[in-house]
PDB file of N, CA and C in Angstrom:
ATOM      1  N   MET A   1     -27.574  17.203  27.665  1.00  0.00           N
ATOM      2  CA  MET A   1     -28.121  16.359  26.679  1.00  0.00           C
ATOM      3  C   MET A   1     -28.323  17.167  25.396  1.00  0.00           C
ATOM      4  N   THR A   2     -28.025  16.726  24.150  1.00  0.00           N
ATOM      5  CA  THR A   2     -27.857  17.305  22.907  1.00  0.00           C
ATOM      6  C   THR A   2     -29.266  17.572  22.611  1.00  0.00           C
ATOM      7  N   PRO A   3     -29.350  18.975  22.110  1.00  0.00           N
ATOM      8  CA  PRO A   3     -30.624  19.411  21.563  1.00  0.00           C
ATOM      9  C   PRO A   3     -31.055  18.729  20.125  1.00  0.00           C
ATOM     10  N   TYR A   4     -32.301  18.792  20.030  1.00  0.00           N
ATOM     11  CA  TYR A   4     -32.846  18.335  18.602  1.00  0.00           C
ATOM     12  C   TYR A   4     -32.645  19.012  17.729  1.00  0.00           C
ATOM     13  N   ALA A   5     -32.588  18.553  16.284  1.00  0.00           N
ATOM     14  CA  ALA A   5     -32.458  19.478  15.273  1.00  0.00           C
ATOM     15  C   ALA A   5     -33.850  19.535  14.541  1.00  0.00           C
ATOM     16  N   VAL A   6     -34.320  20.805  14.372  1.00  0.00           N
ATOM     17  CA  VAL A   6     -35.577  20.829  14.092  1.00  0.00           C
ATOM     18  C   VAL A   6     -35.538  21.218  12.488  1.00  0.00           C
ATOM     19  N   TYR A   7     -36.208  20.428  11.441  1.00  0.00           N
ATOM     20  CA  TYR A   7     -36.219  20.409  10.305  1.00  0.00           C
ATOM     21  C   TYR A   7     -37.706  20.754   9.741  1.00  0.00           C
ATOM     22  N   LEU A   8     -37.853  21.595   8.443  1.00  0.00           N
ATOM     23  CA  LEU A   8     -39.093  21.756   7.980  1.00  0.00           C
ATOM     24  C   LEU A   8     -39.215  21.459   6.697  1.00  0.00           C
ATOM     25  N   LYS A   9     -40.242  20.415   6.293  1.00  0.00           N
ATOM     26  CA  LYS A   9     -40.287  20.077   4.788  1.00  0.00           C
ATOM     27  C   LYS A   9     -40.599  21.619   4.114  1.00  0.00           C
ATOM     28  N   ASN A  10     -40.515  21.314   2.741  1.00  0.00           N
ATOM     29  CA  ASN A  10     -40.515  22.489   1.984  1.00  0.00           C
ATOM     30  C   ASN A  10     -41.856  23.198   2.028  1.00  0.00           C
ATOM     31  N   SER A  11     -42.793  22.049   1.948  1.00  0.00           N
ATOM     32  CA  SER A  11     -44.302  22.834   2.270  1.00  0.00           C
ATOM     33  C   SER A  11     -44.406  23.417   3.614  1.00  0.00           C
ATOM     34  N   ALA A  12     -43.962  22.923   4.406  1.00  0.00           N
ATOM     35  CA  ALA A  12     -44.217  23.420   5.892  1.00  0.00           C
ATOM     36  C   ALA A  12     -43.429  24.816   6.048  1.00  0.00           C
ATOM     37  N   GLN A  13     -42.362  25.000   5.034  1.00  0.00           N
ATOM     38  CA  GLN A  13     -41.620  26.297   5.256  1.00  0.00           C
ATOM     39  C   GLN A  13     -42.566  27.377   4.513  1.00  0.00           C
ATOM     40  N   ARG A  14     -43.006  26.911   3.474  1.00  0.00           N
ATOM     41  CA  ARG A  14     -43.891  27.733   2.605  1.00  0.00           C
ATOM     42  C   ARG A  14     -45.042  28.285   3.421  1.00  0.00           C
ATOM     43  N   GLU A  15     -45.697  27.274   4.115  1.00  0.00           N
ATOM     44  CA  GLU A  15     -46.733  27.630   4.896  1.00  0.00           C
ATOM     45  C   GLU A  15     -46.430  28.797   6.062  1.00  0.00           C
ATOM     46  N   LEU A  16     -45.283  28.341   6.606  1.00  0.00           N
ATOM     47  CA  LEU A  16     -44.548  29.388   7.763  1.00  0.00           C
ATOM     48  C   LEU A  16     -44.648  30.706   7.181  1.00  0.00           C
ATOM     49  N   ASP A  17     -43.952  30.873   5.765  1.00  0.00           N
ATOM     50  CA  ASP A  17     -43.514  31.966   5.134  1.00  0.00           C
ATOM     51  C   ASP A  17     -44.804  33.059   4.992  1.00  0.00           C
ATOM     52  N   ARG A  18     -46.058  32.195   4.805  1.00  0.00           N
ATOM     53  CA  ARG A  18     -47.381  32.740   4.418  1.00  0.00           C
ATOM     54  C   ARG A  18     -48.044  33.368   5.603  1.00  0.00           C
ATOM     55  N   LEU A  19     -47.830  32.865   6.658  1.00  0.00           N
ATOM     56  CA  LEU A  19     -48.544  33.438   7.918  1.00  0.00           C
ATOM     57  C   LEU A  19     -48.177  34.940   8.252  1.00  0.00           C
ATOM     58  N   PRO A  20     -49.236  35.729   8.858  1.00  0.00           N
ATOM     59  CA  PRO A  20     -49.089  36.914   9.316  1.00  0.00           C
ATOM     60  C   PRO A  20     -48.081  37.075  10.362  1.00  0.00           C
ATOM     61  N   PRO A  21     -47.504  38.207  10.606  1.00  0.00           N
ATOM     62  CA  PRO A  21     -46.389  38.401  11.347  1.00  0.00           C
ATOM     63  C   PRO A  21     -46.519  37.893  12.778  1.00  0.00           C
ATOM     64  N   ALA A  22     -47.757  38.311  13.417  1.00  0.00           N
ATOM     65  CA  ALA A  22     -48.054  37.811  14.751  1.00  0.00           C
ATOM     66  C   ALA A  22     -48.039  36.162  14.877  1.00  0.00           C
ATOM     67  N   SER A  23     -48.914  35.582  14.033  1.00  0.00           N
ATOM     68  CA  SER A  23     -48.842  34.001  13.939  1.00  0.00           C
ATOM     69  C   SER A  23     -47.513  33.550  13.676  1.00  0.00           C
ATOM     70  N   HIS A  24     -46.801  34.193  12.806  1.00  0.00           N
ATOM     71  CA  HIS A  24     -45.335  33.735  12.482  1.00  0.00           C
ATOM     72  C   HIS A  24     -44.638  33.679  13.558  1.00  0.00           C
ATOM     73  N   GLU A  25     -44.392  34.785  14.412  1.00  0.00           N
ATOM     74  CA  GLU A  25     -43.727  34.764  15.675  1.00  0.00           C
ATOM     75  C   GLU A  25     -43.966  33.735  16.585  1.00  0.00           C
ATOM     76  N   ALA A  26     -45.436  33.473  16.687  1.00  0.00           N
ATOM     77  CA  ALA A  26     -45.896  32.749  17.615  1.00  0.00           C
ATOM     78  C   ALA A  26     -45.548  31.042  17.384  1.00  0.00           C
ATOM     79  N   VAL A  27     -45.583  31.057  15.984  1.00  0.00           N
ATOM     80  CA  VAL A  27     -45.130  29.370  15.485  1.00  0.00           C
ATOM     81  C   VAL A  27     -43.534  29.320  15.687  1.00  0.00           C
ATOM     82  N   LEU A  28     -42.820  30.095  15.375  1.00  0.00           N
ATOM     83  CA  LEU A  28     -41.300  30.166  15.490  1.00  0.00           C
ATOM     84  C   LEU A  28     -41.003  30.030  16.937  1.00  0.00           C
ATOM     85  N   LYS A  29     -41.567  30.496  17.881  1.00  0.00           N
ATOM     86  CA  LYS A  29     -41.303  30.212  19.271  1.00  0.00           C
ATOM     87  C   LYS A  29     -41.652  29.033  19.794  1.00  0.00           C
ATOM     88  N   GLN A  30     -42.624  28.446  19.176  1.00  0.00           N
ATOM     89  CA  GLN A  30     -42.942  26.984  19.441  1.00  0.00           C
ATOM     90  C   GLN A  30     -41.845  26.066  18.815  1.00  0.00           C
ATOM     91  N   LEU A  31     -41.384  26.386  17.530  1.00  0.00           N
ATOM     92  CA  LEU A  31     -40.602  25.510  16.883  1.00  0.00           C
ATOM     93  C   LEU A  31     -39.121  25.581  17.570  1.00  0.00           C
ATOM     94  N   LYS A  32     -38.882  26.719  18.028  1.00  0.00           N
ATOM     95  CA  LYS A  32     -37.638  26.849  18.956  1.00  0.00           C
ATOM     96  C   LYS A  32     -37.489  26.240  20.018  1.00  0.00           C
ATOM     97  N   ALA A  33     -38.652  26.088  20.894  1.00  0.00           N
ATOM     98  CA  ALA A  33     -38.854  25.247  22.197  1.00  0.00           C
ATOM     99  C   ALA A  33     -38.644  23.784  21.714  1.00  0.00           C
ATOM    100  N   LEU A  34     -38.991  23.352  20.475  1.00  0.00           N
ATOM    101  CA  LEU A  34     -38.953  21.822  20.113  1.00  0.00           C
ATOM    102  C   LEU A  34     -37.431  21.439  20.135  1.00  0.00           C
ATOM    103  N   ARG A  35     -36.648  22.288  19.970  1.00  0.00           N
ATOM    104  CA  ARG A  35     -34.949  21.988  20.071  1.00  0.00           C
ATOM    105  C   ARG A  35     -34.896  21.259  21.295  1.00  0.00           C
ATOM    106  N   PHE A  36     -35.262  21.760  22.487  1.00  0.00           N
ATOM    107  CA  PHE A  36     -34.963  21.207  23.845  1.00  0.00           C
ATOM    108  C   PHE A  36     -36.078  20.223  24.338  1.00  0.00           C
ATOM    109  N   GLU A  37     -37.230  20.273  24.092  1.00  0.00           N
ATOM    110  CA  GLU A  37     -38.230  19.233  24.429  1.00  0.00           C
ATOM    111  C   GLU A  37     -39.029  19.018  23.378  1.00  0.00           C
ATOM    112  N   ALA A  38     -38.835  17.809  22.567  1.00  0.00           N
ATOM    113  CA  ALA A  38     -39.423  17.437  21.432  1.00  0.00           C
ATOM    114  C   ALA A  38     -40.930  17.007  21.841  1.00  0.00           C
ATOM    115  N   ARG A  39     -41.403  16.889  23.110  1.00  0.00           N
ATOM    116  CA  ARG A  39     -42.593  16.617  23.176  1.00  0.00           C
ATOM    117  C   ARG A  39     -43.110  17.369  24.530  1.00  0.00           C
ATOM    118  N   PRO A  40     -43.117  18.629  24.199  1.00  0.00           N
ATOM    119  CA  PRO A  40     -43.819  19.517  25.315  1.00  0.00           C
ATOM    120  C   PRO A  40     -45.202  19.177  25.852  1.00  0.00           C
ATOM    121  N   ARG A  41     -45.698  19.812  26.884  1.00  0.00           N
ATOM    122  CA  ARG A  41     -46.841  19.421  27.695  1.00  0.00           C
ATOM    123  C   ARG A  41     -48.010  19.822  26.653  1.00  0.00           C
ATOM    124  N   ASN A  42     -47.793  20.970  25.921  1.00  0.00           N
ATOM    125  CA  ASN A  42     -48.979  21.208  25.001  1.00  0.00           C
ATOM    126  C   ASN A  42     -49.171  20.456  23.689  1.00  0.00           C
ATOM    127  N   ALA A  43     -48.253  19.286  23.790  1.00  0.00           N
ATOM    128  CA  ALA A  43     -48.239  18.502  22.378  1.00  0.00           C
ATOM    129  C   ALA A  43     -49.277  17.146  22.506  1.00  0.00           C
ATOM    130  N   ALA A  44     -49.744  16.738  21.601  1.00  0.00           N
ATOM    131  CA  ALA A  44     -50.448  15.592  21.756  1.00  0.00           C
ATOM    132  C   ALA A  44     -50.192  14.953  20.441  1.00  0.00           C
ATOM    133  N   LYS A  45     -50.323  13.411  20.903  1.00  0.00           N
ATOM    134  CA  LYS A  45     -50.036  12.580  19.651  1.00  0.00           C
ATOM    135  C   LYS A  45     -51.210  12.425  19.193  1.00  0.00           C
ATOM    136  N   LEU A  46     -51.156  12.464  17.582  1.00  0.00           N
ATOM    137  CA  LEU A  46     -52.198  12.100  16.607  1.00  0.00           C
ATOM    138  C   LEU A  46     -52.922  10.767  16.706  1.00  0.00           C
ATOM    139  N   GLN A  47     -54.199  10.390  16.840  1.00  0.00           N
ATOM    140  CA  GLN A  47     -54.770   9.341  17.025  1.00  0.00           C
ATOM    141  C   GLN A  47     -54.395   8.438  15.686  1.00  0.00           C
ATOM    142  N   GLY A  48     -53.969   7.290  15.965  1.00  0.00           N
ATOM    143  CA  GLY A  48     -53.518   6.208  15.081  1.00  0.00           C
ATOM    144  C   GLY A  48     -52.392   6.681  13.909  1.00  0.00           C
ATOM    145  N   ARG A  49     -51.681   7.731  14.287  1.00  0.00           N
ATOM    146  CA  ARG A  49     -50.544   8.156  13.473  1.00  0.00           C
ATOM    147  C   ARG A  49     -49.289   8.109  14.490  1.00  0.00           C
ATOM    148  N   PRO A  50     -48.073   8.268  14.077  1.00  0.00           N
ATOM    149  CA  PRO A  50     -46.940   8.530  14.840  1.00  0.00           C
ATOM    150  C   PRO A  50     -46.558  10.027  14.970  1.00  0.00           C
ATOM    151  N   GLU A  51     -47.362  10.923  14.438  1.00  0.00           N
ATOM    152  CA  GLU A  51     -46.979  12.332  14.525  1.00  0.00           C
ATOM    153  C   GLU A  51     -47.627  12.933  15.811  1.00  0.00           C
ATOM    154  N   TYR A  52     -47.002  14.222  15.961  1.00  0.00           N
ATOM    155  CA  TYR A  52     -47.681  15.005  16.927  1.00  0.00           C
ATOM    156  C   TYR A  52     -48.273  16.084  16.537  1.00  0.00           C
ATOM    157  N   LYS A  53     -48.859  17.019  17.379  1.00  0.00           N
ATOM    158  CA  LYS A  53     -49.607  18.434  17.066  1.00  0.00           C
ATOM    159  C   LYS A  53     -49.372  19.360  18.323  1.00  0.00           C
ATOM    160  N   ILE A  54     -49.186  20.472  17.762  1.00  0.00           N
ATOM    161  CA  ILE A  54     -49.072  21.312  18.810  1.00  0.00           C
ATOM    162  C   ILE A  54     -50.084  22.506  18.162  1.00  0.00           C
ATOM    163  N   ARG A  55     -50.791  23.065  19.183  1.00  0.00           N
ATOM    164  CA  ARG A  55     -51.847  24.168  18.823  1.00  0.00           C
ATOM    165  C   ARG A  55     -51.241  25.462  19.197  1.00  0.00           C
ATOM    166  N   VAL A  56     -51.390  26.338  18.151  1.00  0.00           N
ATOM    167  CA  VAL A  56     -51.013  27.603  18.342  1.00  0.00           C
ATOM    168  C   VAL A  56     -52.117  28.496  17.728  1.00  0.00           C
ATOM    169  N   GLY A  57     -53.014  28.810  18.559  1.00  0.00           N
ATOM    170  CA  GLY A  57     -54.295  29.640  18.234  1.00  0.00           C
ATOM    171  C   GLY A  57     -55.061  28.701  17.511  1.00  0.00           C
ATOM    172  N   ASN A  58     -55.573  29.234  16.128  1.00  0.00           N
ATOM    173  CA  ASN A  58     -56.301  28.184  15.241  1.00  0.00           C
ATOM    174  C   ASN A  58     -55.230  27.559  14.451  1.00  0.00           C
ATOM    175  N   LEU A  59     -53.900  27.733  14.456  1.00  0.00           N
ATOM    176  CA  LEU A  59     -53.005  26.996  13.860  1.00  0.00           C
ATOM    177  C   LEU A  59     -52.648  25.657  14.498  1.00  0.00           C
ATOM    178  N   ARG A  60     -52.238  24.725  13.543  1.00  0.00           N
ATOM    179  CA  ARG A  60     -51.634  23.388  14.213  1.00  0.00           C
ATOM    180  C   ARG A  60     -50.337  23.163  13.514  1.00  0.00           C
ATOM    181  N   ILE A  61     -49.407  22.715  14.333  1.00  0.00           N
ATOM    182  CA  ILE A  61     -48.074  22.411  13.815  1.00  0.00           C
ATOM    183  C   ILE A  61     -48.077  20.712  14.079  1.00  0.00           C
ATOM    184  N   ILE A  62     -47.888  20.064  12.991  1.00  0.00           N
ATOM    185  CA  ILE A  62     -47.923  18.661  12.717  1.00  0.00           C
ATOM    186  C   ILE A  62     -46.436  18.208  12.444  1.00  0.00           C
ATOM    187  N   TYR A  63     -45.979  17.402  13.376  1.00  0.00           N
ATOM    188  CA  TYR A  63     -44.497  16.961  13.201  1.00  0.00           C
ATOM    189  C   TYR A  63     -44.282  15.702  13.838  1.00  0.00           C
ATOM    190  N   GLY A  64     -43.068  15.077  13.401  1.00  0.00           N
ATOM    191  CA  GLY A  64     -42.652  13.764  13.797  1.00  0.00           C
ATOM    192  C   GLY A  64     -41.137  13.863  14.527  1.00  0.00           C
ATOM    193  N   VAL A  65     -40.998  12.890  15.449  1.00  0.00           N
ATOM    194  CA  VAL A  65     -39.722  12.809  16.059  1.00  0.00           C
ATOM    195  C   VAL A  65     -39.099  11.551  15.937  1.00  0.00           C
ATOM    196  N   ASP A  66     -37.527  11.786  15.662  1.00  0.00           N
ATOM    197  CA  ASP A  66     -36.842  10.675  15.496  1.00  0.00           C
ATOM    198  C   ASP A  66     -35.672  10.836  16.817  1.00  0.00           C
ATOM    199  N   ASP A  67     -36.004  10.166  17.898  1.00  0.00           N
ATOM    200  CA  ASP A  67     -35.203  10.193  19.166  1.00  0.00           C
ATOM    201  C   ASP A  67     -33.664   9.702  18.656  1.00  0.00           C
ATOM    202  N   ALA A  68     -33.666   8.773  17.983  1.00  0.00           N
ATOM    203  CA  ALA A  68     -32.224   7.941  17.764  1.00  0.00           C
ATOM    204  C   ALA A  68     -31.421   9.102  16.895  1.00  0.00           C
ATOM    205  N   LYS A  69     -32.032   9.882  16.117  1.00  0.00           N
ATOM    206  CA  LYS A  69     -31.181  10.743  15.388  1.00  0.00           C
ATOM    207  C   LYS A  69     -31.227  12.191  16.019  1.00  0.00           C
ATOM    208  N   ARG A  70     -32.245  12.474  17.227  1.00  0.00           N
ATOM    209  CA  ARG A  70     -32.338  13.475  17.861  1.00  0.00           C
ATOM    210  C   ARG A  70     -32.951  14.808  16.823  1.00  0.00           C
ATOM    211  N   GLU A  71     -33.762  14.363  15.936  1.00  0.00           N
ATOM    212  CA  GLU A  71     -34.293  15.245  15.176  1.00  0.00           C
ATOM    213  C   GLU A  71     -35.859  15.256  15.119  1.00  0.00           C
ATOM    214  N   VAL A  72     -36.367  16.506  14.793  1.00  0.00           N
ATOM    215  CA  VAL A  72     -37.763  16.988  14.759  1.00  0.00           C
ATOM    216  C   VAL A  72     -37.985  17.492  13.227  1.00  0.00           C
ATOM    217  N   MET A  73     -39.111  16.523  12.626  1.00  0.00           N
ATOM    218  CA  MET A  73     -39.231  17.033  11.067  1.00  0.00           C
ATOM    219  C   MET A  73     -40.659  17.804  11.192  1.00  0.00           C
ATOM    220  N   VAL A  74     -40.771  18.867  10.845  1.00  0.00           N
ATOM    221  CA  VAL A  74     -42.257  19.388  10.668  1.00  0.00           C
ATOM    222  C   VAL A  74     -42.734  19.202   9.355  1.00  0.00           C
ATOM    223  N   TYR A  75     -44.008  18.671   9.278  1.00  0.00           N
ATOM    224  CA  TYR A  75     -44.676  18.351   8.122  1.00  0.00           C
ATOM    225  C   TYR A  75     -45.671  19.331   7.736  1.00  0.00           C
ATOM    226  N   MET A  76     -46.213  20.059   8.506  1.00  0.00           N
ATOM    227  CA  MET A  76     -47.381  20.959   8.233  1.00  0.00           C
ATOM    228  C   MET A  76     -47.588  21.867   9.289  1.00  0.00           C
ATOM    229  N   ILE A  77     -47.882  23.166   8.787  1.00  0.00           N
ATOM    230  CA  ILE A  77     -48.267  24.371   9.701  1.00  0.00           C
ATOM    231  C   ILE A  77     -49.386  24.966   8.971  1.00  0.00           C
ATOM    232  N   ASP A  78     -50.634  24.614   9.442  1.00  0.00           N
ATOM    233  CA  ASP A  78     -51.975  25.253   8.742  1.00  0.00           C
ATOM    234  C   ASP A  78     -53.037  25.361   9.835  1.00  0.00           C
ATOM    235  N   ASP A  79     -54.083  26.278   9.134  1.00  0.00           N
ATOM    236  CA  ASP A  79     -55.121  26.246   9.917  1.00  0.00           C
ATOM    237  C   ASP A  79     -55.613  24.802  10.490  1.00  0.00           C
ATOM    238  N   ARG A  80     -56.431  24.829  11.359  1.00  0.00           N
ATOM    239  CA  ARG A  80     -56.861  23.590  12.187  1.00  0.00           C
ATOM    240  C   ARG A  80     -57.709  22.907  11.084  1.00  0.00           C
ATOM    241  N   LYS A  81     -58.618  23.412  10.509  1.00  0.00           N
ATOM    242  CA  LYS A  81     -59.402  22.883   9.592  1.00  0.00           C
ATOM    243  C   LYS A  81     -58.743  22.071   8.352  1.00  0.00           C
ATOM    244  N   GLN A  82     -57.782  22.780   7.853  1.00  0.00           N
ATOM    245  CA  GLN A  82     -56.969  22.424   6.724  1.00  0.00           C
ATOM    246  C   GLN A  82     -56.235  21.220   7.117  1.00  0.00           C
ATOM    247  N   VAL A  83     -55.602  21.520   8.197  1.00  0.00           N
ATOM    248  CA  VAL A  83     -54.703  20.291   8.557  1.00  0.00           C
ATOM    249  C   VAL A  83     -55.304  19.048   8.760  1.00  0.00           C
ATOM    250  N   TYR A  84     -56.399  18.906   9.558  1.00  0.00           N
ATOM    251  CA  TYR A  84     -56.962  17.647   9.598  1.00  0.00           C
ATOM    252  C   TYR A  84     -57.543  17.171   8.376  1.00  0.00           C
ATOM    253  N   ARG A  85     -58.107  17.879   7.408  1.00  0.00           N
ATOM    254  CA  ARG A  85     -58.428  17.352   6.194  1.00  0.00           C
ATOM    255  C   ARG A  85     -57.305  16.971   5.448  1.00  0.00           C
ATOM    256  N   ARG A  86     -56.106  17.457   5.303  1.00  0.00           N
ATOM    257  CA  ARG A  86     -55.104  17.066   4.711  1.00  0.00           C
ATOM    258  C   ARG A  86     -54.500  15.762   5.251  1.00  0.00           C
ATOM    259  N   LEU A  87     -54.767  15.585   6.571  1.00  0.00           N
ATOM    260  CA  LEU A  87     -54.278  14.387   7.033  1.00  0.00           C
ATOM    261  C   LEU A  87     -55.056  13.247   6.751  1.00  0.00           C
ATOM    262  N   ARG A  88     -56.298  13.153   6.186  1.00  0.00           N
ATOM    263  CA  ARG A  88     -57.069  12.163   5.919  1.00  0.00           C
ATOM    264  C   ARG A  88     -56.575  11.113   4.824  1.00  0.00           C
TER     265      ARG A  88
END
């Protein structure tokens, strides 16, 4: 099976770059895992939205999956409180 291509929106890339080293590594590990399993067991679908979330400590990764193109698009990487405020 072909792996998924993982893309980050520019804003998500900036958010990733601002993280402290330990959090940065933990998020990168999750993003690399998305290449082979776009909906891992620790991912949950957002209520009323097509996106998914993955919890990494107090951080949340918000992303969408396009199975036809085998692509994962990461929209947000931020603190739990900020992510849910921004999604409203």
